[in-house]
Amino acid sequence: MRNRTAGLLIAGLAAVCLALVCSVAYPFSFAEPHGANPSGERFGVGDADAYSATGRIVVEGETRLAFEGAVAADGAWYQRVVQNGVASERYRSPNGSVYRRFTVRGVEAAEERRAELAESERVTLLRESRDGDCVTFVTERTTGPEGSRSRGPRRSSSTTSGSRGTRPRAPTRRT
């Protein structure tokens, strides 16, 4: 009786192992594998009105970089990046203007950034506020007639003469 039981047990285990191997080789689902789709469709998500993403990089228990972003169906988007304890936020309205709020530490760095913003033809300084040695700027960047993407304020070079055309600026409020 023992030989018969052992034989049945081994046959049963062999059948289970064969079924597992067959399930890996031939899945039970009749759906197409995701990798069989063209590359443009692999990363597409159905008909959603908006998308969002968040993430962070943590090194030794300390967050070094964190981000949050969202895109709406009408073309508006929002992004927030926190790096080294400093937050930078951007919002693009459906009309194409990009609003940015960012903080600069240090009086000299703030003065340099203010000069860069004043020199820019497409960026308008909307608000400026001080908190100790930190200065927070709120700017608006308008897109050109071709609707190009905004990448934030341009960095100025120390060799430029500053002979760009100027346009009237909105009054700034300092607090």
Protein backbone atom coordinates (compact mmCIF):
# COMPACT_ATOMS: atom_id res chain seq x y z
CA MET A 1 0.00 0.00 0.00
CA ARG A 2 2.85 2.37 0.76
CA ASN A 3 4.39 1.97 -2.69
CA ARG A 4 1.06 2.66 -4.31
CA THR A 5 0.50 5.83 -2.20
CA ALA A 6 4.01 7.09 -2.92
CA GLY A 7 3.52 6.46 -6.64
CA LEU A 8 0.22 8.35 -6.67
CA LEU A 9 1.75 11.23 -4.70
CA ILE A 10 4.70 11.50 -7.10
CA ALA A 11 2.37 11.32 -10.12
CA GLY A 12 0.18 14.06 -8.63
CA LEU A 13 3.16 16.34 -7.97
CA ALA A 14 4.47 15.71 -11.49
CA ALA A 15 1.06 16.67 -12.91
CA VAL A 16 1.03 19.90 -10.84
CA CYS A 17 4.56 20.79 -12.01
CA LEU A 18 3.60 20.12 -15.63
CA ALA A 19 0.51 22.33 -15.24
CA LEU A 20 2.67 25.17 -13.82
CA VAL A 21 5.14 24.91 -16.70
CA CYS A 22 2.29 24.93 -19.22
CA SER A 23 0.68 27.98 -17.57
CA VAL A 24 3.93 29.92 -17.96
CA ALA A 25 4.39 28.86 -21.58
CA TYR A 26 0.72 29.27 -22.49
CA PRO A 27 -1.03 31.86 -20.28
CA PHE A 28 -4.70 31.39 -19.49
CA SER A 29 -5.59 34.86 -20.86
CA PHE A 30 -6.43 35.41 -24.52
CA ALA A 31 -5.42 39.12 -24.41
CA GLU A 32 -2.59 40.40 -26.56
CA PRO A 33 0.64 41.05 -24.66
CA HIS A 34 1.38 44.72 -24.03
CA GLY A 35 4.75 44.43 -25.77
CA ALA A 36 3.06 43.39 -29.03
CA ASN A 37 1.52 46.88 -29.43
CA PRO A 38 3.32 49.58 -31.44
CA SER A 39 5.58 51.74 -29.29
CA GLY A 40 3.25 54.76 -29.53
CA GLU A 41 0.42 52.75 -28.00
CA ARG A 42 2.46 51.10 -25.25
CA PHE A 43 2.70 54.26 -23.22
CA GLY A 44 -0.69 55.70 -24.07
CA VAL A 45 -3.40 55.78 -21.49
CA GLY A 46 -7.06 55.61 -22.53
CA ASP A 47 -9.19 58.71 -22.94
CA ALA A 48 -8.37 60.58 -19.77
CA ASP A 49 -9.03 64.27 -19.20
CA ALA A 50 -5.95 64.87 -17.06
CA TYR A 51 -2.75 63.19 -16.00
CA SER A 52 -0.66 63.62 -12.89
CA ALA A 53 2.59 62.28 -11.48
CA THR A 54 4.48 62.57 -8.23
CA GLY A 55 7.82 61.23 -7.14
CA ARG A 56 10.84 61.77 -4.96
CA ILE A 57 14.43 60.67 -4.61
CA VAL A 58 15.45 59.73 -1.07
CA VAL A 59 19.08 59.24 -0.12
CA GLU A 60 19.88 57.91 3.36
CA GLY A 61 16.43 58.88 4.61
CA GLU A 62 16.65 62.47 3.29
CA THR A 63 14.54 63.68 0.35
CA ARG A 64 16.93 65.20 -2.19
CA LEU A 65 14.45 65.86 -5.00
CA ALA A 66 10.65 65.76 -5.07
CA PHE A 67 8.28 66.62 -7.88
CA GLU A 68 4.58 66.87 -8.54
CA GLY A 69 2.94 67.57 -11.87
CA ALA A 70 -0.41 67.54 -13.61
CA VAL A 71 -1.61 68.11 -17.17
CA ALA A 72 -5.22 68.95 -18.09
CA ALA A 73 -7.02 68.21 -21.34
CA ASP A 74 -7.18 71.92 -22.23
CA GLY A 75 -3.36 72.17 -22.33
CA ALA A 76 -2.87 73.71 -18.89
CA TRP A 77 -0.23 72.14 -16.64
CA TYR A 78 1.25 72.52 -13.17
CA GLN A 79 4.61 71.39 -11.86
CA ARG A 80 6.26 71.70 -8.47
CA VAL A 81 9.87 70.73 -7.79
CA VAL A 82 11.51 70.76 -4.36
CA GLN A 83 15.29 70.46 -4.32
CA ASN A 84 17.56 71.15 -1.36
CA GLY A 85 14.58 72.55 0.55
CA VAL A 86 13.75 75.15 -2.12
CA ALA A 87 10.46 74.87 -4.00
CA SER A 88 9.88 76.05 -7.55
CA GLU A 89 6.37 76.02 -9.01
CA ARG A 90 5.18 76.57 -12.58
CA TYR A 91 1.69 76.80 -14.02
CA ARG A 92 0.80 77.12 -17.70
CA SER A 93 -2.63 78.52 -18.37
CA PRO A 94 -4.65 77.42 -21.42
CA ASN A 95 -3.87 80.77 -23.08
CA GLY A 96 -0.14 79.92 -23.11
CA SER A 97 1.27 82.12 -20.35
CA VAL A 98 3.55 80.38 -17.87
CA TYR A 99 3.51 81.58 -14.27
CA ARG A 100 6.47 80.71 -12.05
CA ARG A 101 7.03 81.10 -8.32
CA PHE A 102 10.51 80.42 -6.99
CA THR A 103 12.65 81.34 -4.02
CA VAL A 104 16.23 82.60 -4.16
CA ARG A 105 18.46 82.51 -1.09
CA GLY A 106 20.89 85.32 -0.45
CA VAL A 107 20.64 89.03 -1.14
CA GLU A 108 23.27 89.06 -3.91
CA ALA A 109 21.69 86.11 -5.72
CA ALA A 110 18.26 87.78 -5.47
CA GLU A 111 19.58 91.05 -6.88
CA GLU A 112 21.23 89.18 -9.75
CA ARG A 113 18.03 87.27 -10.51
CA ARG A 114 15.97 90.49 -10.37
CA ALA A 115 18.33 92.06 -12.93
CA GLU A 116 17.96 89.01 -15.20
CA LEU A 117 14.18 89.24 -14.96
CA ALA A 118 14.19 92.97 -15.72
CA GLU A 119 16.40 92.35 -18.76
CA SER A 120 14.15 89.67 -20.22
CA GLU A 121 11.69 90.73 -22.92
CA ARG A 122 9.24 87.87 -22.38
CA VAL A 123 9.21 87.61 -18.58
CA THR A 124 7.26 90.00 -16.38
CA LEU A 125 7.89 90.19 -12.65
CA LEU A 126 4.45 90.13 -11.03
CA ARG A 127 5.34 89.95 -7.33
CA GLU A 128 8.36 89.87 -5.07
CA SER A 129 8.37 89.16 -1.34
CA ARG A 130 11.19 88.96 1.20
CA ASP A 131 11.50 86.72 4.22
CA GLY A 132 14.86 87.26 5.88
CA ASP A 133 17.57 86.52 3.32
CA CYS A 134 15.15 84.64 1.02
CA VAL A 135 13.32 86.38 -1.81
CA THR A 136 10.32 84.82 -3.57
CA PHE A 137 9.59 85.92 -7.12
CA VAL A 138 6.37 85.38 -9.09
CA THR A 139 6.79 85.84 -12.83
CA GLU A 140 4.73 85.53 -15.99
CA ARG A 141 6.32 84.36 -19.22
CA THR A 142 4.33 84.90 -22.37
CA THR A 143 4.79 82.65 -25.34
CA GLY A 144 5.75 84.01 -28.70
CA PRO A 145 3.49 84.11 -31.76
CA GLU A 146 4.65 80.63 -32.73
CA GLY A 147 3.43 79.26 -29.39
CA SER A 148 6.85 78.00 -28.36
CA ARG A 149 7.35 76.29 -25.05
CA SER A 150 8.56 78.31 -22.12
CA ARG A 151 11.68 77.22 -20.32
CA GLY A 152 11.78 79.91 -17.67
CA PRO A 153 13.90 83.04 -17.47
CA ARG A 154 17.03 83.19 -19.57
CA ARG A 155 20.39 83.46 -17.88
CA SER A 156 22.28 86.60 -18.74
CA SER A 157 25.91 86.61 -19.72
CA SER A 158 28.43 88.97 -18.18
CA THR A 159 29.58 89.96 -21.68
CA THR A 160 26.20 91.20 -22.93
CA SER A 161 25.78 94.90 -23.34
CA GLY A 162 22.16 94.96 -22.20
CA SER A 163 21.01 96.73 -25.37
CA ARG A 164 17.80 94.74 -25.72
CA GLY A 165 14.59 96.59 -26.34
CA THR A 166 12.47 97.25 -23.30
CA ARG A 167 8.76 97.18 -22.83
CA PRO A 168 6.66 98.57 -20.02
CA ARG A 169 6.62 96.34 -16.96
CA ALA A 170 3.78 95.75 -14.57
CA PRO A 171 4.42 97.47 -11.25
CA THR A 172 6.03 95.22 -8.68
CA ARG A 173 4.99 95.02 -5.09
CA ARG A 174 7.65 94.44 -2.48
CA THR A 175 6.72 93.24 0.94
